Amino acid sequence: MAFGLSGFVQGKKALRRSLSGIKEVTIPKGCLAIYVGEDQKKRYVVPLSYLNEPAFQDLLSMAEEEFGYEHPMGGLTIPCREDIFIDITSQLT
């Protein structure tokens, strides 16, 4: 029994070491993470209030047309140029 447990403990320590290198990413309350870009996707955190803005809803419609509800990045992806996204969102704040 001790032999089996020592292997388990060593495996657990190795797993703990491998997970310690992973950064924990948190999104502030009232915000949502989205990925923006045509080829290279960049992650942005935006306020949920943007969801009520017509300009942002146009971007969401564009994302729906391209991806439907299957997002390859595992999150909401908006397929537009980053400079256009920044221009639109800077007008919302």
Protein backbone atom coordinates (compact mmCIF):
# COMPACT_ATOMS: atom_id res chain seq x y z
CA MET A 1 0.00 0.00 0.00
CA ALA A 2 2.80 2.44 0.81
CA PHE A 3 4.36 1.77 -2.59
CA GLY A 4 1.15 2.74 -4.42
CA LEU A 5 0.72 5.91 -2.36
CA SER A 6 4.25 7.13 -2.98
CA GLY A 7 3.65 7.06 -6.74
CA PHE A 8 0.38 8.91 -6.24
CA VAL A 9 2.05 11.58 -4.08
CA GLN A 10 4.86 12.05 -6.62
CA GLY A 11 2.32 12.40 -9.44
CA LYS A 12 0.32 14.89 -7.42
CA LYS A 13 3.46 16.98 -6.78
CA ALA A 14 4.34 16.94 -10.49
CA LEU A 15 0.82 18.05 -11.38
CA ARG A 16 0.97 20.84 -8.80
CA ARG A 17 4.29 22.04 -10.27
CA SER A 18 2.90 22.03 -13.80
CA LEU A 19 -0.23 23.93 -12.75
CA SER A 20 1.71 26.51 -10.77
CA GLY A 21 3.00 28.00 -14.03
CA ILE A 22 -0.54 28.74 -15.25
CA LYS A 23 -1.72 32.30 -14.64
CA GLU A 24 -5.18 32.67 -13.23
CA VAL A 25 -7.04 35.18 -15.37
CA THR A 26 -10.03 36.89 -13.85
CA ILE A 27 -12.55 39.10 -15.53
CA PRO A 28 -13.94 41.94 -13.43
CA LYS A 29 -17.58 41.74 -12.43
CA GLY A 30 -19.75 43.50 -14.99
CA CYS A 31 -17.37 42.80 -17.88
CA LEU A 32 -16.93 40.18 -20.56
CA ALA A 33 -13.93 38.93 -22.52
CA ILE A 34 -14.03 38.93 -26.30
CA TYR A 35 -11.52 38.10 -29.03
CA VAL A 36 -11.08 40.58 -31.86
CA GLY A 37 -9.27 40.31 -35.17
CA GLU A 38 -9.40 38.79 -38.61
CA ASP A 39 -6.30 36.60 -38.51
CA GLN A 40 -4.51 37.21 -35.21
CA LYS A 41 -7.07 37.36 -32.39
CA LYS A 42 -6.47 39.69 -29.45
CA ARG A 43 -8.38 39.46 -26.19
CA TYR A 44 -10.27 42.50 -24.85
CA VAL A 45 -12.31 42.92 -21.69
CA VAL A 46 -15.30 45.19 -22.18
CA PRO A 47 -18.15 46.34 -19.92
CA LEU A 48 -21.45 44.46 -20.23
CA SER A 49 -23.14 47.80 -20.90
CA TYR A 50 -21.65 47.65 -24.42
CA LEU A 51 -24.19 44.93 -25.22
CA ASN A 52 -26.92 47.60 -25.26
CA GLU A 53 -25.10 49.83 -27.74
CA PRO A 54 -26.27 49.64 -31.40
CA ALA A 55 -22.71 49.89 -32.78
CA PHE A 56 -21.58 46.99 -30.60
CA GLN A 57 -24.68 45.00 -31.54
CA ASP A 58 -23.67 45.41 -35.19
CA LEU A 59 -20.30 43.82 -34.35
CA LEU A 60 -22.12 40.97 -32.58
CA SER A 61 -24.32 40.42 -35.64
CA MET A 62 -21.18 40.22 -37.76
CA ALA A 63 -19.79 37.59 -35.37
CA GLU A 64 -23.03 35.62 -35.50
CA GLU A 65 -23.01 35.61 -39.31
CA GLU A 66 -19.45 34.32 -39.45
CA PHE A 67 -19.36 31.88 -36.53
CA GLY A 68 -22.95 31.27 -35.42
CA TYR A 69 -22.72 30.09 -31.85
CA GLU A 70 -19.59 27.99 -32.41
CA HIS A 71 -16.67 30.21 -31.48
CA PRO A 72 -13.26 28.72 -32.33
CA MET A 73 -11.48 30.61 -29.55
CA GLY A 74 -13.82 29.21 -26.91
CA GLY A 75 -15.25 32.65 -26.29
CA LEU A 76 -17.00 35.42 -28.12
CA THR A 77 -15.03 36.24 -31.27
CA ILE A 78 -15.62 39.38 -33.35
CA PRO A 79 -14.13 39.06 -36.86
CA CYS A 80 -13.18 42.65 -37.60
CA ARG A 81 -9.94 44.57 -37.75
CA GLU A 82 -8.62 45.58 -34.38
CA ASP A 83 -8.41 49.29 -35.31
CA ILE A 84 -12.10 49.32 -36.29
CA PHE A 85 -13.05 47.67 -32.99
CA ILE A 86 -11.00 50.20 -31.01
CA ASP A 87 -12.56 53.08 -32.97
CA ILE A 88 -16.10 51.83 -32.30
CA THR A 89 -15.58 51.06 -28.63
CA SER A 90 -13.77 54.34 -27.96
CA GLN A 91 -16.92 56.15 -29.06
CA LEU A 92 -19.00 54.15 -26.54
CA THR A 93 -17.13 55.27 -23.43
